[in-house]
Amino acid sequence: MTPILHDTLLTQLKWRYATKKFDPAKKIAIAVWSALEEALVLTPTSYGLQPLKFLVLTDPALRAQLVPISWGQTQPVDCSHFVIFAARAQNTEADVDRYISRMAEVRGVTSEALAGFKNVLVGDVVNGPRGKVALEWAARQAYIALGNFMTAAALVGVDTCPMEGFDPAKYDEVLGLPAQGFHAVVACAAGYRAVDDKYAGMPKVRFAASELIDRR
């Protein structure tokens, strides 16, 4: 494995910004999008449980329905791919069993060998502290995924715009999420900036590292 240069990382993070105006004619190449989807899958989550669903919207008619319930913002229709980050409303023992089965399959062990880990999970995310605030807990995982996705996109030269400016309940209704046990938490438009997006050339405003980083 060859790490990217630290200069490359910082250059791309300084290049990215919350793109307000996308070029609808520019689409993300299939191979590039495939890598970004894999980045979503590879996002770290608590226990590795992945209480999330990523809805990748490319259908123009469906995306058009989202504009009126996104405070009139047009990123959902102008971007190349629009991703909804949805969080699981409640964890069940069946969810844990499914994860344990997948872990056993990937690591070449038996589910019985993972019984102790299963009991820990059930005791926490189903019946314990995380279980009592399951949606809030899963929503935090969704924001980890959002950050991971945006950084990965920047590294491959894809613009993004994270969006909380929408009506979650209406998104849920349009996308049929409650029936699947999920709720929309945040969204992200991905594509390529329009040449006349005035925000592209604005200096990035950040506090000095000395004000944000406390080294001890």
Protein backbone atom coordinates (compact mmCIF):
# COMPACT_ATOMS: atom_id res chain seq x y z
CA MET A 1 0.00 0.00 0.00
CA THR A 2 1.40 3.37 -1.04
CA PRO A 3 -0.02 6.27 0.97
CA ILE A 4 -0.93 9.45 -0.86
CA LEU A 5 1.35 12.40 -0.27
CA HIS A 6 0.28 14.62 2.61
CA ASP A 7 0.49 17.60 0.24
CA THR A 8 -2.02 15.90 -2.05
CA LEU A 9 -4.42 15.38 0.83
CA LEU A 10 -4.28 19.01 1.92
CA THR A 11 -4.48 20.32 -1.64
CA GLN A 12 -7.70 18.40 -2.27
CA LEU A 13 -9.25 19.35 1.06
CA LYS A 14 -8.52 23.01 0.32
CA TRP A 15 -9.96 22.57 -3.20
CA ARG A 16 -13.30 21.23 -2.02
CA TYR A 17 -16.16 23.44 -0.86
CA ALA A 18 -19.91 23.08 -0.42
CA THR A 19 -20.83 23.35 -4.08
CA LYS A 20 -23.98 25.41 -4.51
CA LYS A 21 -24.26 25.22 -8.28
CA PHE A 22 -23.54 22.01 -10.18
CA ASP A 23 -23.14 21.55 -13.92
CA PRO A 24 -26.03 19.21 -14.86
CA ALA A 25 -24.23 18.16 -18.04
CA LYS A 26 -21.24 16.71 -16.20
CA LYS A 27 -21.71 13.21 -14.87
CA ILE A 28 -19.46 11.16 -12.64
CA ALA A 29 -17.81 8.28 -14.54
CA ILE A 30 -19.03 4.80 -13.63
CA ALA A 31 -15.66 3.66 -12.28
CA VAL A 32 -15.28 6.77 -10.14
CA TRP A 33 -18.78 6.43 -8.72
CA SER A 34 -18.21 2.76 -8.01
CA ALA A 35 -15.19 3.70 -5.91
CA LEU A 36 -17.21 6.31 -4.02
CA GLU A 37 -19.94 3.79 -3.28
CA GLU A 38 -17.28 1.43 -1.95
CA ALA A 39 -16.02 4.28 0.24
CA LEU A 40 -19.52 4.49 1.73
CA VAL A 41 -19.50 0.75 2.43
CA LEU A 42 -16.03 0.99 4.00
CA THR A 43 -17.08 3.75 6.40
CA PRO A 44 -16.26 2.82 10.01
CA THR A 45 -19.24 2.47 12.34
CA SER A 46 -19.63 1.57 15.99
CA TYR A 47 -19.17 -2.20 16.41
CA GLY A 48 -19.05 -2.31 12.59
CA LEU A 49 -22.82 -2.80 12.72
CA GLN A 50 -23.65 -0.32 9.89
CA PRO A 51 -27.16 0.75 11.01
CA LEU A 52 -27.41 2.75 7.80
CA LYS A 53 -28.84 2.83 4.32
CA PHE A 54 -27.43 4.90 1.47
CA LEU A 55 -29.97 5.82 -1.18
CA VAL A 56 -28.24 6.80 -4.44
CA LEU A 57 -30.71 8.76 -6.55
CA THR A 58 -30.13 9.21 -10.27
CA ASP A 59 -33.75 9.15 -11.51
CA PRO A 60 -34.60 12.72 -12.63
CA ALA A 61 -38.31 12.44 -11.82
CA LEU A 62 -37.69 11.21 -8.30
CA ARG A 63 -35.07 13.86 -7.65
CA ALA A 64 -37.40 16.58 -8.94
CA GLN A 65 -39.84 15.67 -6.17
CA LEU A 66 -37.20 16.58 -3.61
CA VAL A 67 -36.60 20.19 -4.67
CA PRO A 68 -39.79 21.67 -3.10
CA ILE A 69 -39.04 19.85 0.17
CA SER A 70 -35.37 20.93 0.10
CA TRP A 71 -36.12 24.59 0.73
CA GLY A 72 -36.14 25.09 -3.04
CA GLN A 73 -32.49 24.17 -3.42
CA THR A 74 -31.70 22.72 -6.84
CA GLN A 75 -28.65 20.62 -5.99
CA PRO A 76 -30.77 17.44 -5.93
CA VAL A 77 -31.59 17.81 -9.62
CA ASP A 78 -28.45 19.55 -10.88
CA CYS A 79 -25.84 17.19 -9.45
CA SER A 80 -24.73 13.91 -10.99
CA HIS A 81 -25.63 11.66 -8.05
CA PHE A 82 -27.69 12.51 -4.97
CA VAL A 83 -27.15 10.44 -1.83
CA ILE A 84 -29.54 10.18 1.11
CA PHE A 85 -27.96 9.00 4.35
CA ALA A 86 -30.64 7.16 6.31
CA ALA A 87 -30.38 5.80 9.85
CA ARG A 88 -32.06 2.71 11.26
CA ALA A 89 -34.84 3.65 13.65
CA GLN A 90 -34.51 0.61 15.93
CA ASN A 91 -32.08 -2.28 16.28
CA THR A 92 -33.42 -5.80 16.68
CA GLU A 93 -31.85 -9.11 17.57
CA ALA A 94 -32.45 -10.12 13.95
CA ASP A 95 -30.21 -7.22 12.85
CA VAL A 96 -27.50 -8.46 15.18
CA ASP A 97 -27.90 -12.06 13.94
CA ARG A 98 -27.51 -10.88 10.35
CA TYR A 99 -24.30 -9.06 11.25
CA ILE A 100 -22.92 -12.03 13.18
CA SER A 101 -23.66 -14.31 10.21
CA ARG A 102 -21.86 -11.93 7.87
CA MET A 103 -18.87 -11.71 10.22
CA ALA A 104 -18.69 -15.49 10.43
CA GLU A 105 -18.82 -15.76 6.64
CA VAL A 106 -16.12 -13.15 6.01
CA ARG A 107 -13.73 -14.31 8.74
CA GLY A 108 -14.23 -18.03 8.24
CA VAL A 109 -15.52 -18.85 11.71
CA THR A 110 -18.78 -20.22 13.06
CA SER A 111 -21.58 -18.06 14.39
CA GLU A 112 -21.36 -20.06 17.60
CA ALA A 113 -17.78 -18.85 18.06
CA LEU A 114 -19.11 -15.29 18.04
CA ALA A 115 -21.81 -15.90 20.64
CA GLY A 116 -20.04 -13.77 23.25
CA PHE A 117 -19.80 -10.81 20.87
CA LYS A 118 -23.44 -11.26 19.90
CA ASN A 119 -24.47 -11.08 23.55
CA VAL A 120 -22.52 -7.84 23.97
CA LEU A 121 -24.25 -6.34 20.94
CA VAL A 122 -27.74 -7.37 22.00
CA GLY A 123 -27.06 -6.12 25.51
CA ASP A 124 -26.06 -2.71 24.17
CA VAL A 125 -27.66 -1.80 20.83
CA VAL A 126 -30.92 -3.73 21.32
CA ASN A 127 -31.67 -3.81 25.05
CA GLY A 128 -29.06 -1.44 26.45
CA PRO A 129 -27.90 2.19 26.26
CA ARG A 130 -27.59 2.40 22.48
CA GLY A 131 -30.88 0.59 22.04
CA LYS A 132 -32.69 3.29 23.98
CA VAL A 133 -31.46 5.99 21.60
CA ALA A 134 -31.13 3.83 18.49
CA LEU A 135 -32.05 6.46 15.90
CA GLU A 136 -29.84 9.15 17.44
CA TRP A 137 -26.95 6.66 17.70
CA ALA A 138 -27.38 5.57 14.08
CA ALA A 139 -27.61 9.20 12.95
CA ARG A 140 -24.15 9.81 14.38
CA GLN A 141 -22.87 6.93 12.27
CA ALA A 142 -24.50 8.56 9.23
CA TYR A 143 -22.45 11.71 9.78
CA ILE A 144 -19.26 9.63 9.95
CA ALA A 145 -20.25 8.21 6.57
CA LEU A 146 -20.95 11.69 5.21
CA GLY A 147 -17.51 12.95 6.22
CA ASN A 148 -15.83 9.87 4.81
CA PHE A 149 -17.74 10.23 1.54
CA MET A 150 -16.91 13.91 1.13
CA THR A 151 -13.21 13.36 1.78
CA ALA A 152 -13.09 10.44 -0.65
CA ALA A 153 -14.89 12.54 -3.27
CA ALA A 154 -12.42 15.39 -2.86
CA LEU A 155 -9.51 13.01 -3.34
CA VAL A 156 -10.88 11.88 -6.72
CA GLY A 157 -11.82 15.39 -7.81
CA VAL A 158 -15.58 15.15 -7.32
CA ASP A 159 -17.48 18.09 -5.87
CA THR A 160 -19.98 17.64 -3.07
CA CYS A 161 -22.52 19.60 -1.09
CA PRO A 162 -23.74 18.24 2.26
CA MET A 163 -27.39 19.09 2.88
CA GLU A 164 -29.45 19.26 6.03
CA GLY A 165 -31.74 21.84 4.45
CA PHE A 166 -34.72 19.61 3.75
CA ASP A 167 -37.84 18.29 5.44
CA PRO A 168 -36.83 14.85 6.79
CA ALA A 169 -40.40 13.65 7.30
CA LYS A 170 -41.32 14.49 3.69
CA TYR A 171 -38.13 12.88 2.39
CA ASP A 172 -39.11 9.77 4.35
CA GLU A 173 -42.55 9.86 2.75
CA VAL A 174 -41.31 10.29 -0.83
CA LEU A 175 -38.65 7.59 -0.45
CA GLY A 176 -40.75 5.13 1.57
CA LEU A 177 -38.13 4.89 4.29
CA PRO A 178 -40.26 4.30 7.42
CA ALA A 179 -41.61 1.06 5.96
CA GLN A 180 -38.01 -0.12 5.73
CA GLY A 181 -37.26 0.94 9.29
CA PHE A 182 -35.11 3.93 8.35
CA HIS A 183 -35.28 7.72 8.46
CA ALA A 184 -33.48 10.33 6.36
CA VAL A 185 -30.81 12.15 8.35
CA VAL A 186 -28.66 14.09 5.90
CA ALA A 187 -28.01 14.19 2.16
CA CYS A 188 -25.10 14.93 -0.14
CA ALA A 189 -25.07 16.09 -3.74
CA ALA A 190 -22.11 14.92 -5.82
CA GLY A 191 -20.96 15.98 -9.25
CA TYR A 192 -18.98 18.82 -10.77
CA ARG A 193 -19.17 22.54 -10.05
CA ALA A 194 -20.63 24.92 -12.61
CA VAL A 195 -18.10 27.34 -14.06
CA ASP A 196 -20.15 30.27 -12.77
CA ASP A 197 -20.63 29.06 -9.19
CA LYS A 198 -19.58 32.19 -7.34
CA TYR A 199 -18.68 30.21 -4.23
CA ALA A 200 -15.94 28.24 -6.00
CA GLY A 201 -13.44 31.09 -5.90
CA MET A 202 -14.18 32.35 -2.42
CA PRO A 203 -11.37 31.93 0.10
CA LYS A 204 -12.01 29.16 2.61
CA VAL A 205 -12.74 30.67 6.02
CA ARG A 206 -11.34 28.71 8.95
CA PHE A 207 -10.01 29.66 12.35
CA ALA A 208 -6.27 29.25 12.89
CA ALA A 209 -5.17 25.79 14.00
CA SER A 210 -3.91 27.32 17.24
CA GLU A 211 -7.50 28.21 18.14
CA LEU A 212 -8.94 24.80 17.35
CA ILE A 213 -6.21 22.31 18.23
CA ASP A 214 -5.21 21.86 21.86
CA ARG A 215 -1.97 19.88 22.07
CA ARG A 216 -1.23 18.37 25.48
